[in-house]
Amino acid sequence: MCAEARLLLEPLRVDHAAEMVTVLAAPTLYRFTGGTPPTLSELEKRYRHQVAGSPDGRENWHNWVLRRTTDGRAVGFVQATVSGVVGAESAAVAWVIGAGFQGQGYAKEAAALLVERLAQWGVTAYTADIHPDHAASQTVARSIGLAPTRQMVAGEVRWRSS
């Protein structure tokens, strides 16, 4: 990680829900993904499931809370679902930055940190599914070397590393 990094990746824990429920509270965050802001109990349930990992063990789930280095405040999260055989793993990646922290370059930095961490583990191929109208996420995807494909998944465009 470069010295000027403004964010740290902190492995997800269930107790992060108390802090993250506020970060994820803005209804505008769900414009492109659908849904509504989670309640504390819903987020705790989701985090218990994510921390437990893939039920069948065919995938490795990696979830991190994003913390600012300046004040330790959580600003969002990143996640990766890693699959494939050793030496040829690929990851489906995603990032979410709380509405109050958007427009400051955190998403690009977070995505770069995520790809850097996964590369250390040997992951070389990445995908992200992005709503066709979500220009900000498309910019982030391009910043980590992803390009749109013609494949649609649940109304979103599949982006893939080249």
C-alpha atoms as a PDB file:
ATOM      1  CA  MET A   1       0.000   0.000   0.000  1.00  0.00           C
ATOM      2  CA  CYS A   2       1.344   3.426  -0.866  1.00  0.00           C
ATOM      3  CA  ALA A   3       2.266   5.849   1.931  1.00  0.00           C
ATOM      4  CA  GLU A   4      -0.363   8.396   0.909  1.00  0.00           C
ATOM      5  CA  ALA A   5      -3.259   5.925   1.157  1.00  0.00           C
ATOM      6  CA  ARG A   6      -6.264   7.496   2.820  1.00  0.00           C
ATOM      7  CA  LEU A   7      -8.076   4.221   3.446  1.00  0.00           C
ATOM      8  CA  LEU A   8      -7.448   0.974   5.268  1.00  0.00           C
ATOM      9  CA  LEU A   9      -9.186  -2.348   4.658  1.00  0.00           C
ATOM     10  CA  GLU A  10     -10.503  -3.790   7.930  1.00  0.00           C
ATOM     11  CA  PRO A  11     -11.815  -7.378   7.776  1.00  0.00           C
ATOM     12  CA  LEU A  12     -15.572  -7.430   8.317  1.00  0.00           C
ATOM     13  CA  ARG A  13     -16.926  -8.398  11.736  1.00  0.00           C
ATOM     14  CA  VAL A  14     -20.549  -8.657  12.840  1.00  0.00           C
ATOM     15  CA  ASP A  15     -20.057  -5.831  15.333  1.00  0.00           C
ATOM     16  CA  HIS A  16     -19.302  -3.462  12.426  1.00  0.00           C
ATOM     17  CA  ALA A  17     -23.061  -3.372  11.804  1.00  0.00           C
ATOM     18  CA  ALA A  18     -23.614  -0.765  14.540  1.00  0.00           C
ATOM     19  CA  GLU A  19     -21.297   1.677  12.775  1.00  0.00           C
ATOM     20  CA  MET A  20     -22.109   0.707   9.196  1.00  0.00           C
ATOM     21  CA  VAL A  21     -25.891   1.053   9.565  1.00  0.00           C
ATOM     22  CA  THR A  22     -25.346   4.823   9.601  1.00  0.00           C
ATOM     23  CA  VAL A  23     -22.883   4.741   6.679  1.00  0.00           C
ATOM     24  CA  LEU A  24     -25.428   2.784   4.615  1.00  0.00           C
ATOM     25  CA  ALA A  25     -28.501   4.771   5.728  1.00  0.00           C
ATOM     26  CA  ALA A  26     -28.996   7.097   2.741  1.00  0.00           C
ATOM     27  CA  PRO A  27     -31.775   5.890   0.402  1.00  0.00           C
ATOM     28  CA  THR A  28     -29.806   7.330  -2.558  1.00  0.00           C
ATOM     29  CA  LEU A  29     -27.252   4.506  -2.152  1.00  0.00           C
ATOM     30  CA  TYR A  30     -29.867   2.068  -3.453  1.00  0.00           C
ATOM     31  CA  ARG A  31     -30.832   3.980  -6.598  1.00  0.00           C
ATOM     32  CA  PHE A  32     -28.984   1.588  -8.899  1.00  0.00           C
ATOM     33  CA  THR A  33     -28.916  -1.575  -6.797  1.00  0.00           C
ATOM     34  CA  GLY A  34     -32.462  -1.533  -5.491  1.00  0.00           C
ATOM     35  CA  GLY A  35     -33.554  -2.175  -1.963  1.00  0.00           C
ATOM     36  CA  THR A  36     -33.645   0.114   1.020  1.00  0.00           C
ATOM     37  CA  PRO A  37     -31.260   1.010   3.826  1.00  0.00           C
ATOM     38  CA  PRO A  38     -30.837  -1.958   6.175  1.00  0.00           C
ATOM     39  CA  THR A  39     -31.910  -1.893   9.806  1.00  0.00           C
ATOM     40  CA  LEU A  40     -29.338  -2.790  12.439  1.00  0.00           C
ATOM     41  CA  SER A  41     -30.751  -6.302  12.843  1.00  0.00           C
ATOM     42  CA  GLU A  42     -30.799  -6.860   9.066  1.00  0.00           C
ATOM     43  CA  LEU A  43     -27.199  -5.719   8.762  1.00  0.00           C
ATOM     44  CA  GLU A  44     -26.089  -7.923  11.683  1.00  0.00           C
ATOM     45  CA  LYS A  45     -27.779 -10.903  10.004  1.00  0.00           C
ATOM     46  CA  ARG A  46     -26.122 -10.073   6.660  1.00  0.00           C
ATOM     47  CA  TYR A  47     -22.706  -9.704   8.291  1.00  0.00           C
ATOM     48  CA  ARG A  48     -23.073 -13.002  10.201  1.00  0.00           C
ATOM     49  CA  HIS A  49     -23.756 -14.701   6.859  1.00  0.00           C
ATOM     50  CA  GLN A  50     -20.828 -12.973   5.110  1.00  0.00           C
ATOM     51  CA  VAL A  51     -18.365 -13.629   7.936  1.00  0.00           C
ATOM     52  CA  ALA A  52     -19.348 -17.326   7.991  1.00  0.00           C
ATOM     53  CA  GLY A  53     -18.411 -17.609   4.310  1.00  0.00           C
ATOM     54  CA  SER A  54     -19.666 -19.663   1.426  1.00  0.00           C
ATOM     55  CA  PRO A  55     -21.881 -22.489   2.697  1.00  0.00           C
ATOM     56  CA  ASP A  56     -20.597 -24.979   0.120  1.00  0.00           C
ATOM     57  CA  GLY A  57     -16.956 -23.836   0.279  1.00  0.00           C
ATOM     58  CA  ARG A  58     -16.659 -23.406  -3.494  1.00  0.00           C
ATOM     59  CA  GLU A  59     -16.005 -19.688  -3.148  1.00  0.00           C
ATOM     60  CA  ASN A  60     -14.000 -17.563  -0.772  1.00  0.00           C
ATOM     61  CA  TRP A  61     -15.818 -14.488   0.479  1.00  0.00           C
ATOM     62  CA  HIS A  62     -13.739 -11.466   1.424  1.00  0.00           C
ATOM     63  CA  ASN A  63     -15.407  -8.426   2.936  1.00  0.00           C
ATOM     64  CA  TRP A  64     -13.744  -5.334   4.355  1.00  0.00           C
ATOM     65  CA  VAL A  65     -14.942  -2.145   5.986  1.00  0.00           C
ATOM     66  CA  LEU A  66     -13.159   0.915   4.599  1.00  0.00           C
ATOM     67  CA  ARG A  67     -11.648   3.182   7.250  1.00  0.00           C
ATOM     68  CA  ARG A  68     -10.133   6.607   6.775  1.00  0.00           C
ATOM     69  CA  THR A  69      -6.570   6.721   8.020  1.00  0.00           C
ATOM     70  CA  THR A  70      -7.007  10.272   9.328  1.00  0.00           C
ATOM     71  CA  ASP A  71      -9.758   9.622  11.864  1.00  0.00           C
ATOM     72  CA  GLY A  72     -10.597   5.902  11.707  1.00  0.00           C
ATOM     73  CA  ARG A  73     -14.129   6.596  10.523  1.00  0.00           C
ATOM     74  CA  ALA A  74     -15.851   3.970   8.362  1.00  0.00           C
ATOM     75  CA  VAL A  75     -16.772   5.329   4.922  1.00  0.00           C
ATOM     76  CA  GLY A  76     -17.979   2.187   3.111  1.00  0.00           C
ATOM     77  CA  PHE A  77     -17.013  -1.351   2.224  1.00  0.00           C
ATOM     78  CA  VAL A  78     -15.489  -3.521  -0.481  1.00  0.00           C
ATOM     79  CA  GLN A  79     -16.046  -7.181  -1.149  1.00  0.00           C
ATOM     80  CA  ALA A  80     -14.768  -9.943  -3.370  1.00  0.00           C
ATOM     81  CA  THR A  81     -16.045 -13.398  -4.160  1.00  0.00           C
ATOM     82  CA  VAL A  82     -13.049 -15.466  -5.245  1.00  0.00           C
ATOM     83  CA  SER A  83     -13.485 -18.689  -7.194  1.00  0.00           C
ATOM     84  CA  GLY A  84     -11.520 -20.960  -9.482  1.00  0.00           C
ATOM     85  CA  VAL A  85      -8.554 -23.243  -9.131  1.00  0.00           C
ATOM     86  CA  VAL A  86      -5.348 -22.203  -7.391  1.00  0.00           C
ATOM     87  CA  GLY A  87      -3.258 -20.121  -9.752  1.00  0.00           C
ATOM     88  CA  ALA A  88      -6.251 -19.206 -11.907  1.00  0.00           C
ATOM     89  CA  GLU A  89      -8.596 -17.584  -9.414  1.00  0.00           C
ATOM     90  CA  SER A  90     -10.961 -14.850 -10.429  1.00  0.00           C
ATOM     91  CA  ALA A  91     -12.901 -12.430  -8.261  1.00  0.00           C
ATOM     92  CA  ALA A  92     -16.249 -10.720  -8.542  1.00  0.00           C
ATOM     93  CA  VAL A  93     -15.658  -7.368  -6.852  1.00  0.00           C
ATOM     94  CA  ALA A  94     -17.893  -4.620  -5.497  1.00  0.00           C
ATOM     95  CA  TRP A  95     -17.526  -1.350  -3.620  1.00  0.00           C
ATOM     96  CA  VAL A  96     -19.922   0.938  -1.774  1.00  0.00           C
ATOM     97  CA  ILE A  97     -19.070   4.350  -0.373  1.00  0.00           C
ATOM     98  CA  GLY A  98     -21.530   6.015   2.002  1.00  0.00           C
ATOM     99  CA  ALA A  99     -23.414   8.952   0.473  1.00  0.00           C
ATOM    100  CA  GLY A 100     -21.753  11.467   2.785  1.00  0.00           C
ATOM    101  CA  PHE A 101     -18.299  10.378   1.621  1.00  0.00           C
ATOM    102  CA  GLN A 102     -18.859  10.224  -2.138  1.00  0.00           C
ATOM    103  CA  GLY A 103     -17.147  12.515  -4.614  1.00  0.00           C
ATOM    104  CA  GLN A 104     -13.805  12.440  -2.771  1.00  0.00           C
ATOM    105  CA  GLY A 105     -12.077   9.662  -4.716  1.00  0.00           C
ATOM    106  CA  TYR A 106     -12.588   7.046  -2.001  1.00  0.00           C
ATOM    107  CA  ALA A 107     -14.236   4.539  -4.351  1.00  0.00           C
ATOM    108  CA  LYS A 108     -11.290   4.540  -6.762  1.00  0.00           C
ATOM    109  CA  GLU A 109      -8.819   4.216  -3.909  1.00  0.00           C
ATOM    110  CA  ALA A 110     -10.858   1.448  -2.286  1.00  0.00           C
ATOM    111  CA  ALA A 111     -11.149  -0.520  -5.529  1.00  0.00           C
ATOM    112  CA  ALA A 112      -7.394  -0.189  -6.114  1.00  0.00           C
ATOM    113  CA  LEU A 113      -6.662  -1.417  -2.577  1.00  0.00           C
ATOM    114  CA  LEU A 114      -9.013  -4.342  -3.110  1.00  0.00           C
ATOM    115  CA  VAL A 115      -7.365  -5.386  -6.377  1.00  0.00           C
ATOM    116  CA  GLU A 116      -3.918  -4.946  -4.816  1.00  0.00           C
ATOM    117  CA  ARG A 117      -4.865  -7.221  -1.896  1.00  0.00           C
ATOM    118  CA  LEU A 118      -6.358  -9.861  -4.174  1.00  0.00           C
ATOM    119  CA  ALA A 119      -3.312  -9.773  -6.477  1.00  0.00           C
ATOM    120  CA  GLN A 120      -1.130 -10.575  -3.464  1.00  0.00           C
ATOM    121  CA  TRP A 121      -3.155 -13.787  -3.169  1.00  0.00           C
ATOM    122  CA  GLY A 122      -2.698 -14.646  -6.847  1.00  0.00           C
ATOM    123  CA  VAL A 123      -6.050 -13.423  -8.196  1.00  0.00           C
ATOM    124  CA  THR A 124      -5.529 -12.133 -11.722  1.00  0.00           C
ATOM    125  CA  ALA A 125      -9.016 -11.793 -13.237  1.00  0.00           C
ATOM    126  CA  TYR A 126     -11.813  -9.545 -12.022  1.00  0.00           C
ATOM    127  CA  THR A 127     -15.440  -8.839 -12.800  1.00  0.00           C
ATOM    128  CA  ALA A 128     -17.977  -6.322 -11.526  1.00  0.00           C
ATOM    129  CA  ASP A 129     -21.658  -6.022 -12.355  1.00  0.00           C
ATOM    130  CA  ILE A 130     -22.652  -2.368 -12.778  1.00  0.00           C
ATOM    131  CA  HIS A 131     -25.967  -0.725 -13.591  1.00  0.00           C
ATOM    132  CA  PRO A 132     -25.790   0.733 -17.118  1.00  0.00           C
ATOM    133  CA  ASP A 133     -26.640   4.230 -15.818  1.00  0.00           C
ATOM    134  CA  HIS A 134     -24.206   4.261 -12.873  1.00  0.00           C
ATOM    135  CA  ALA A 135     -21.496   6.484 -14.356  1.00  0.00           C
ATOM    136  CA  ALA A 136     -19.539   6.829 -11.099  1.00  0.00           C
ATOM    137  CA  SER A 137     -19.131   3.054 -10.693  1.00  0.00           C
ATOM    138  CA  GLN A 138     -18.197   2.743 -14.361  1.00  0.00           C
ATOM    139  CA  THR A 139     -15.407   5.271 -13.784  1.00  0.00           C
ATOM    140  CA  VAL A 140     -14.184   3.285 -10.783  1.00  0.00           C
ATOM    141  CA  ALA A 141     -14.271   0.051 -12.798  1.00  0.00           C
ATOM    142  CA  ARG A 142     -12.183   1.616 -15.575  1.00  0.00           C
ATOM    143  CA  SER A 143      -9.671   2.847 -12.989  1.00  0.00           C
ATOM    144  CA  ILE A 144      -8.910  -0.756 -11.993  1.00  0.00           C
ATOM    145  CA  GLY A 145      -8.669  -2.016 -15.568  1.00  0.00           C
ATOM    146  CA  LEU A 146     -12.184  -3.331 -16.112  1.00  0.00           C
ATOM    147  CA  ALA A 147     -14.060  -2.881 -19.381  1.00  0.00           C
ATOM    148  CA  PRO A 148     -17.748  -3.440 -20.148  1.00  0.00           C
ATOM    149  CA  THR A 149     -18.837  -6.597 -21.913  1.00  0.00           C
ATOM    150  CA  ARG A 150     -22.090  -7.345 -23.723  1.00  0.00           C
ATOM    151  CA  GLN A 151     -23.141  -9.681 -20.917  1.00  0.00           C
ATOM    152  CA  MET A 152     -26.065  -8.569 -18.741  1.00  0.00           C
ATOM    153  CA  VAL A 153     -26.605  -9.999 -15.252  1.00  0.00           C
ATOM    154  CA  ALA A 154     -29.830  -9.062 -13.470  1.00  0.00           C
ATOM    155  CA  GLY A 155     -30.072  -5.813 -15.432  1.00  0.00           C
ATOM    156  CA  GLU A 156     -26.436  -4.872 -14.887  1.00  0.00           C
ATOM    157  CA  VAL A 157     -23.540  -4.886 -17.327  1.00  0.00           C
ATOM    158  CA  ARG A 158     -20.765  -7.363 -16.555  1.00  0.00           C
ATOM    159  CA  TRP A 159     -17.396  -5.592 -16.539  1.00  0.00           C
ATOM    160  CA  ARG A 160     -14.260  -7.744 -16.919  1.00  0.00           C
ATOM    161  CA  SER A 161     -10.525  -7.276 -16.625  1.00  0.00           C
ATOM    162  CA  SER A 162      -8.626  -7.601 -19.876  1.00  0.00           C
END
